[in-house]
Amino acid sequence: MTTGLASLWRRVHPDRPEVIEGELLEARTALLDAERTGDTTISEDMVAEWRNRLRRLVDADAEATADLRRLLATVLEPALAETGRREPSITMTAVVSDHGRVYQAGRDQHLSKEE
């Protein structure tokens, strides 16, 4: 996966693939350590950081979007299937009484004003 991402950067930013590949390897090591110790803050921070980096990459090169999707489908998804890991599961519980309201969402939630 890191080599594939580095090749995307090589095309968009030919001067930086080795730097990016090194940063990806460092991120992988930090994520594995965080998983081992149960530190979710590091994981969340890294996901946000790399999401922003990838967003800037595809903003700089429209073809990178298709390449990134292809990389995810051919490398990441099969790797996750081999480990048995899937999307994180979410369990939500709510108790409401009287006229109380609960709004729960596993991801984005959009509320509109009741009339």
N, C-alpha and C. Protein backbone atom coordinates (compact mmCIF):
# COMPACT_ATOMS: atom_id res chain seq x y z
N MET A 1 0.83 -1.20 0.00
CA MET A 1 0.00 0.00 0.00
C MET A 1 0.87 1.25 0.00
N THR A 2 1.92 1.26 0.83
CA THR A 2 2.75 2.46 0.89
C THR A 2 3.43 2.74 -0.44
N THR A 3 3.84 1.68 -1.14
CA THR A 3 4.48 1.86 -2.44
C THR A 3 3.48 2.43 -3.44
N GLY A 4 2.24 1.94 -3.39
CA GLY A 4 1.21 2.45 -4.30
C GLY A 4 0.91 3.90 -4.06
N LEU A 5 0.81 4.29 -2.79
CA LEU A 5 0.57 5.70 -2.48
C LEU A 5 1.76 6.55 -2.88
N ALA A 6 2.95 6.04 -2.66
CA ALA A 6 4.14 6.80 -3.05
C ALA A 6 4.17 7.01 -4.56
N SER A 7 3.69 6.02 -5.32
CA SER A 7 3.67 6.19 -6.78
C SER A 7 2.67 7.26 -7.20
N LEU A 8 1.56 7.38 -6.46
CA LEU A 8 0.62 8.48 -6.74
C LEU A 8 1.30 9.82 -6.50
N TRP A 9 2.00 9.93 -5.38
CA TRP A 9 2.70 11.18 -5.07
C TRP A 9 3.79 11.46 -6.09
N ARG A 10 4.45 10.41 -6.56
CA ARG A 10 5.53 10.58 -7.53
C ARG A 10 5.00 11.25 -8.79
N ARG A 11 3.80 10.87 -9.21
CA ARG A 11 3.23 11.46 -10.41
C ARG A 11 2.82 12.91 -10.18
N VAL A 12 2.21 13.19 -9.02
CA VAL A 12 1.73 14.54 -8.75
C VAL A 12 2.85 15.45 -8.26
N HIS A 13 3.69 14.92 -7.39
CA HIS A 13 4.82 15.66 -6.81
C HIS A 13 6.09 14.83 -6.99
N PRO A 14 6.70 14.89 -8.16
CA PRO A 14 7.83 14.00 -8.45
C PRO A 14 9.03 14.14 -7.51
N ASP A 15 9.09 15.22 -6.76
CA ASP A 15 10.24 15.46 -5.89
C ASP A 15 10.05 14.88 -4.48
N ARG A 16 8.90 14.25 -4.17
CA ARG A 16 8.62 13.87 -2.79
C ARG A 16 8.29 12.41 -2.50
N PRO A 17 8.36 11.46 -3.42
CA PRO A 17 7.84 10.12 -3.11
C PRO A 17 8.58 9.42 -1.97
N GLU A 18 9.89 9.60 -1.88
CA GLU A 18 10.65 8.94 -0.82
C GLU A 18 10.25 9.49 0.55
N VAL A 19 10.02 10.79 0.60
CA VAL A 19 9.61 11.42 1.85
C VAL A 19 8.24 10.89 2.26
N ILE A 20 7.32 10.85 1.33
CA ILE A 20 5.97 10.36 1.62
C ILE A 20 6.01 8.90 2.04
N GLU A 21 6.77 8.08 1.33
CA GLU A 21 6.85 6.67 1.68
C GLU A 21 7.41 6.49 3.09
N GLY A 22 8.42 7.29 3.45
CA GLY A 22 8.96 7.24 4.81
C GLY A 22 7.92 7.65 5.84
N GLU A 23 7.15 8.69 5.52
CA GLU A 23 6.11 9.15 6.45
C GLU A 23 5.00 8.10 6.59
N LEU A 24 4.67 7.42 5.49
CA LEU A 24 3.67 6.35 5.56
C LEU A 24 4.15 5.20 6.44
N LEU A 25 5.41 4.85 6.30
CA LEU A 25 5.96 3.78 7.14
C LEU A 25 5.98 4.18 8.61
N GLU A 26 6.33 5.43 8.88
CA GLU A 26 6.30 5.92 10.26
C GLU A 26 4.86 5.91 10.80
N ALA A 27 3.91 6.31 9.97
CA ALA A 27 2.50 6.32 10.39
C ALA A 27 2.02 4.90 10.67
N ARG A 28 2.43 3.96 9.83
CA ARG A 28 2.05 2.56 10.03
C ARG A 28 2.57 2.05 11.37
N THR A 29 3.83 2.33 11.66
CA THR A 29 4.41 1.90 12.92
C THR A 29 3.68 2.53 14.10
N ALA A 30 3.39 3.82 14.02
CA ALA A 30 2.67 4.50 15.10
C ALA A 30 1.27 3.93 15.28
N LEU A 31 0.60 3.61 14.15
CA LEU A 31 -0.75 3.04 14.24
C LEU A 31 -0.73 1.65 14.86
N LEU A 32 0.26 0.85 14.50
CA LEU A 32 0.36 -0.49 15.09
C LEU A 32 0.63 -0.39 16.59
N ASP A 33 1.50 0.55 16.98
CA ASP A 33 1.75 0.76 18.41
C ASP A 33 0.50 1.24 19.12
N ALA A 34 -0.24 2.16 18.50
CA ALA A 34 -1.46 2.68 19.10
C ALA A 34 -2.51 1.58 19.24
N GLU A 35 -2.60 0.72 18.24
CA GLU A 35 -3.55 -0.39 18.31
C GLU A 35 -3.18 -1.34 19.44
N ARG A 36 -1.90 -1.60 19.58
CA ARG A 36 -1.42 -2.50 20.63
C ARG A 36 -1.72 -1.95 22.01
N THR A 37 -1.58 -0.64 22.19
CA THR A 37 -1.79 -0.01 23.50
C THR A 37 -3.21 0.50 23.71
N GLY A 38 -4.02 0.45 22.65
CA GLY A 38 -5.40 0.92 22.77
C GLY A 38 -5.55 2.43 22.73
N ASP A 39 -4.56 3.13 22.19
CA ASP A 39 -4.60 4.60 22.11
C ASP A 39 -5.36 5.03 20.86
N THR A 40 -6.64 5.33 21.02
CA THR A 40 -7.46 5.70 19.87
C THR A 40 -7.20 7.13 19.39
N THR A 41 -6.66 7.97 20.24
CA THR A 41 -6.39 9.36 19.86
C THR A 41 -5.38 9.41 18.72
N ILE A 42 -4.32 8.63 18.82
CA ILE A 42 -3.31 8.62 17.76
C ILE A 42 -3.94 8.14 16.45
N SER A 43 -4.73 7.09 16.52
CA SER A 43 -5.38 6.57 15.31
C SER A 43 -6.27 7.63 14.67
N GLU A 44 -7.08 8.28 15.47
CA GLU A 44 -7.99 9.31 14.94
C GLU A 44 -7.21 10.47 14.33
N ASP A 45 -6.15 10.90 14.99
CA ASP A 45 -5.33 11.99 14.46
C ASP A 45 -4.68 11.61 13.13
N MET A 46 -4.16 10.40 13.04
CA MET A 46 -3.51 9.96 11.81
C MET A 46 -4.52 9.84 10.67
N VAL A 47 -5.69 9.31 10.96
CA VAL A 47 -6.72 9.20 9.92
C VAL A 47 -7.05 10.59 9.39
N ALA A 48 -7.25 11.54 10.29
CA ALA A 48 -7.57 12.91 9.86
C ALA A 48 -6.43 13.51 9.04
N GLU A 49 -5.20 13.32 9.49
CA GLU A 49 -4.05 13.88 8.78
C GLU A 49 -3.93 13.30 7.37
N TRP A 50 -4.01 11.97 7.24
CA TRP A 50 -3.84 11.37 5.93
C TRP A 50 -5.05 11.59 5.04
N ARG A 51 -6.23 11.73 5.61
CA ARG A 51 -7.41 12.07 4.81
C ARG A 51 -7.19 13.44 4.16
N ASN A 52 -6.67 14.40 4.94
CA ASN A 52 -6.40 15.73 4.40
C ASN A 52 -5.31 15.69 3.34
N ARG A 53 -4.27 14.92 3.58
CA ARG A 53 -3.20 14.82 2.58
C ARG A 53 -3.72 14.23 1.28
N LEU A 54 -4.53 13.17 1.39
CA LEU A 54 -5.08 12.56 0.17
C LEU A 54 -6.05 13.49 -0.54
N ARG A 55 -6.80 14.25 0.23
CA ARG A 55 -7.71 15.23 -0.38
C ARG A 55 -6.91 16.26 -1.18
N ARG A 56 -5.81 16.75 -0.60
CA ARG A 56 -4.98 17.73 -1.33
C ARG A 56 -4.35 17.08 -2.57
N LEU A 57 -4.00 15.80 -2.47
CA LEU A 57 -3.41 15.10 -3.60
C LEU A 57 -4.40 15.02 -4.76
N VAL A 58 -5.63 14.61 -4.48
CA VAL A 58 -6.60 14.49 -5.57
C VAL A 58 -7.06 15.86 -6.06
N ASP A 59 -6.99 16.88 -5.20
CA ASP A 59 -7.28 18.23 -5.66
C ASP A 59 -6.23 18.70 -6.66
N ALA A 60 -5.00 18.26 -6.47
CA ALA A 60 -3.90 18.67 -7.34
C ALA A 60 -3.89 17.90 -8.66
N ASP A 61 -4.50 16.72 -8.68
CA ASP A 61 -4.50 15.88 -9.89
C ASP A 61 -5.78 15.07 -9.93
N ALA A 62 -6.68 15.44 -10.83
CA ALA A 62 -7.99 14.78 -10.92
C ALA A 62 -7.86 13.28 -11.20
N GLU A 63 -6.85 12.88 -11.96
CA GLU A 63 -6.66 11.45 -12.25
C GLU A 63 -6.28 10.66 -11.00
N ALA A 64 -5.77 11.33 -10.00
CA ALA A 64 -5.37 10.64 -8.78
C ALA A 64 -6.56 10.01 -8.07
N THR A 65 -7.75 10.56 -8.24
CA THR A 65 -8.95 10.00 -7.61
C THR A 65 -9.19 8.58 -8.10
N ALA A 66 -9.17 8.39 -9.39
CA ALA A 66 -9.38 7.05 -9.95
C ALA A 66 -8.27 6.10 -9.53
N ASP A 67 -7.04 6.60 -9.53
CA ASP A 67 -5.91 5.76 -9.11
C ASP A 67 -6.01 5.37 -7.65
N LEU A 68 -6.45 6.30 -6.82
CA LEU A 68 -6.60 6.02 -5.40
C LEU A 68 -7.71 4.99 -5.17
N ARG A 69 -8.81 5.13 -5.88
CA ARG A 69 -9.90 4.14 -5.76
C ARG A 69 -9.43 2.76 -6.20
N ARG A 70 -8.67 2.72 -7.28
CA ARG A 70 -8.14 1.44 -7.77
C ARG A 70 -7.20 0.83 -6.75
N LEU A 71 -6.37 1.65 -6.15
CA LEU A 71 -5.43 1.17 -5.13
C LEU A 71 -6.19 0.62 -3.91
N LEU A 72 -7.22 1.31 -3.49
CA LEU A 72 -8.03 0.83 -2.37
C LEU A 72 -8.69 -0.50 -2.70
N ALA A 73 -9.22 -0.62 -3.91
CA ALA A 73 -9.93 -1.84 -4.29
C ALA A 73 -8.99 -3.03 -4.47
N THR A 74 -7.79 -2.77 -4.99
CA THR A 74 -6.89 -3.88 -5.30
C THR A 74 -5.91 -4.22 -4.18
N VAL A 75 -5.66 -3.28 -3.28
CA VAL A 75 -4.67 -3.52 -2.22
C VAL A 75 -5.29 -3.49 -0.82
N LEU A 76 -5.93 -2.39 -0.48
CA LEU A 76 -6.42 -2.23 0.89
C LEU A 76 -7.58 -3.16 1.22
N GLU A 77 -8.59 -3.18 0.39
CA GLU A 77 -9.75 -4.02 0.69
C GLU A 77 -9.38 -5.50 0.79
N PRO A 78 -8.56 -6.06 -0.13
CA PRO A 78 -8.15 -7.46 0.05
C PRO A 78 -7.31 -7.67 1.31
N ALA A 79 -6.48 -6.70 1.66
CA ALA A 79 -5.66 -6.83 2.88
C ALA A 79 -6.55 -6.85 4.11
N LEU A 80 -7.57 -6.02 4.14
CA LEU A 80 -8.50 -6.02 5.27
C LEU A 80 -9.29 -7.32 5.33
N ALA A 81 -9.67 -7.85 4.17
CA ALA A 81 -10.40 -9.11 4.14
C ALA A 81 -9.55 -10.25 4.70
N GLU A 82 -8.24 -10.25 4.40
CA GLU A 82 -7.34 -11.29 4.91
C GLU A 82 -7.22 -11.25 6.42
N THR A 83 -7.27 -10.06 7.00
CA THR A 83 -7.14 -9.94 8.46
C THR A 83 -8.47 -10.12 9.16
N GLY A 84 -9.54 -10.16 8.39
CA GLY A 84 -10.86 -10.30 8.99
C GLY A 84 -11.39 -8.99 9.55
N ARG A 85 -10.69 -7.90 9.32
CA ARG A 85 -11.12 -6.60 9.83
C ARG A 85 -12.10 -5.98 8.87
N ARG A 86 -13.08 -5.37 9.40
CA ARG A 86 -14.10 -4.68 8.63
C ARG A 86 -14.26 -3.28 9.18
N GLU A 87 -15.28 -2.62 8.68
CA GLU A 87 -15.62 -1.32 9.24
C GLU A 87 -15.85 -1.48 10.74
N PRO A 88 -15.52 -0.48 11.51
CA PRO A 88 -15.76 -0.61 12.95
C PRO A 88 -17.25 -0.75 13.22
N SER A 89 -17.58 -1.58 14.19
CA SER A 89 -18.99 -1.71 14.55
C SER A 89 -19.32 -0.67 15.61
N ILE A 90 -20.55 -0.26 15.61
CA ILE A 90 -21.00 0.77 16.54
C ILE A 90 -22.20 0.23 17.29
N THR A 91 -22.16 0.35 18.60
CA THR A 91 -23.29 -0.02 19.42
C THR A 91 -23.75 1.23 20.15
N MET A 92 -25.01 1.57 19.97
CA MET A 92 -25.55 2.76 20.63
C MET A 92 -26.73 2.35 21.49
N THR A 93 -26.81 2.95 22.64
CA THR A 93 -27.91 2.70 23.55
C THR A 93 -28.42 4.05 24.05
N ALA A 94 -29.73 4.18 24.12
CA ALA A 94 -30.31 5.42 24.61
C ALA A 94 -31.53 5.10 25.45
N VAL A 95 -31.71 5.87 26.48
CA VAL A 95 -32.90 5.75 27.32
C VAL A 95 -33.56 7.12 27.34
N VAL A 96 -34.83 7.14 27.01
CA VAL A 96 -35.57 8.39 26.94
C VAL A 96 -36.81 8.26 27.80
N SER A 97 -37.13 9.33 28.50
CA SER A 97 -38.38 9.31 29.27
C SER A 97 -39.16 10.59 29.00
N ASP A 98 -40.42 10.53 29.35
CA ASP A 98 -41.33 11.65 29.14
C ASP A 98 -41.30 12.10 27.68
N HIS A 99 -40.97 13.37 27.45
CA HIS A 99 -40.97 13.89 26.08
C HIS A 99 -39.56 14.09 25.56
N GLY A 100 -38.62 13.37 26.12
CA GLY A 100 -37.22 13.51 25.71
C GLY A 100 -36.98 13.02 24.29
N ARG A 101 -35.90 13.44 23.72
CA ARG A 101 -35.51 13.06 22.36
C ARG A 101 -34.08 12.55 22.38
N VAL A 102 -33.81 11.65 21.50
CA VAL A 102 -32.46 11.14 21.32
C VAL A 102 -32.15 11.18 19.84
N TYR A 103 -30.98 11.66 19.51
CA TYR A 103 -30.53 11.66 18.13
C TYR A 103 -29.22 10.88 18.11
N GLN A 104 -29.19 9.77 17.41
CA GLN A 104 -27.99 8.97 17.32
C GLN A 104 -27.65 8.75 15.85
N ALA A 105 -26.38 8.69 15.59
CA ALA A 105 -25.94 8.43 14.22
C ALA A 105 -24.59 7.74 14.27
N GLY A 106 -24.40 6.83 13.36
CA GLY A 106 -23.11 6.15 13.25
C GLY A 106 -22.13 6.95 12.41
N ARG A 107 -22.62 7.95 11.78
CA ARG A 107 -21.77 8.82 10.95
C ARG A 107 -22.41 10.19 10.90
N ASP A 108 -22.62 10.74 9.72
CA ASP A 108 -23.20 12.07 9.59
C ASP A 108 -24.67 12.05 9.97
N GLN A 109 -25.09 13.14 10.54
CA GLN A 109 -26.49 13.28 10.90
C GLN A 109 -26.93 14.69 10.54
N HIS A 110 -28.07 14.77 9.87
CA HIS A 110 -28.60 16.08 9.47
C HIS A 110 -29.97 16.24 10.08
N LEU A 111 -30.15 17.29 10.82
CA LEU A 111 -31.44 17.56 11.46
C LEU A 111 -32.03 18.81 10.85
N SER A 112 -33.33 18.80 10.71
CA SER A 112 -33.99 20.01 10.24
C SER A 112 -34.98 20.44 11.33
N LYS A 113 -35.25 21.69 11.35
CA LYS A 113 -36.14 22.25 12.36
C LYS A 113 -37.55 21.76 12.14
N GLU A 114 -38.16 21.26 13.23
CA GLU A 114 -39.54 20.83 13.13
C GLU A 114 -40.45 22.03 13.11
N GLU A 115 -41.52 21.90 12.39
CA GLU A 115 -42.47 23.01 12.33
C GLU A 115 -43.69 22.67 13.10
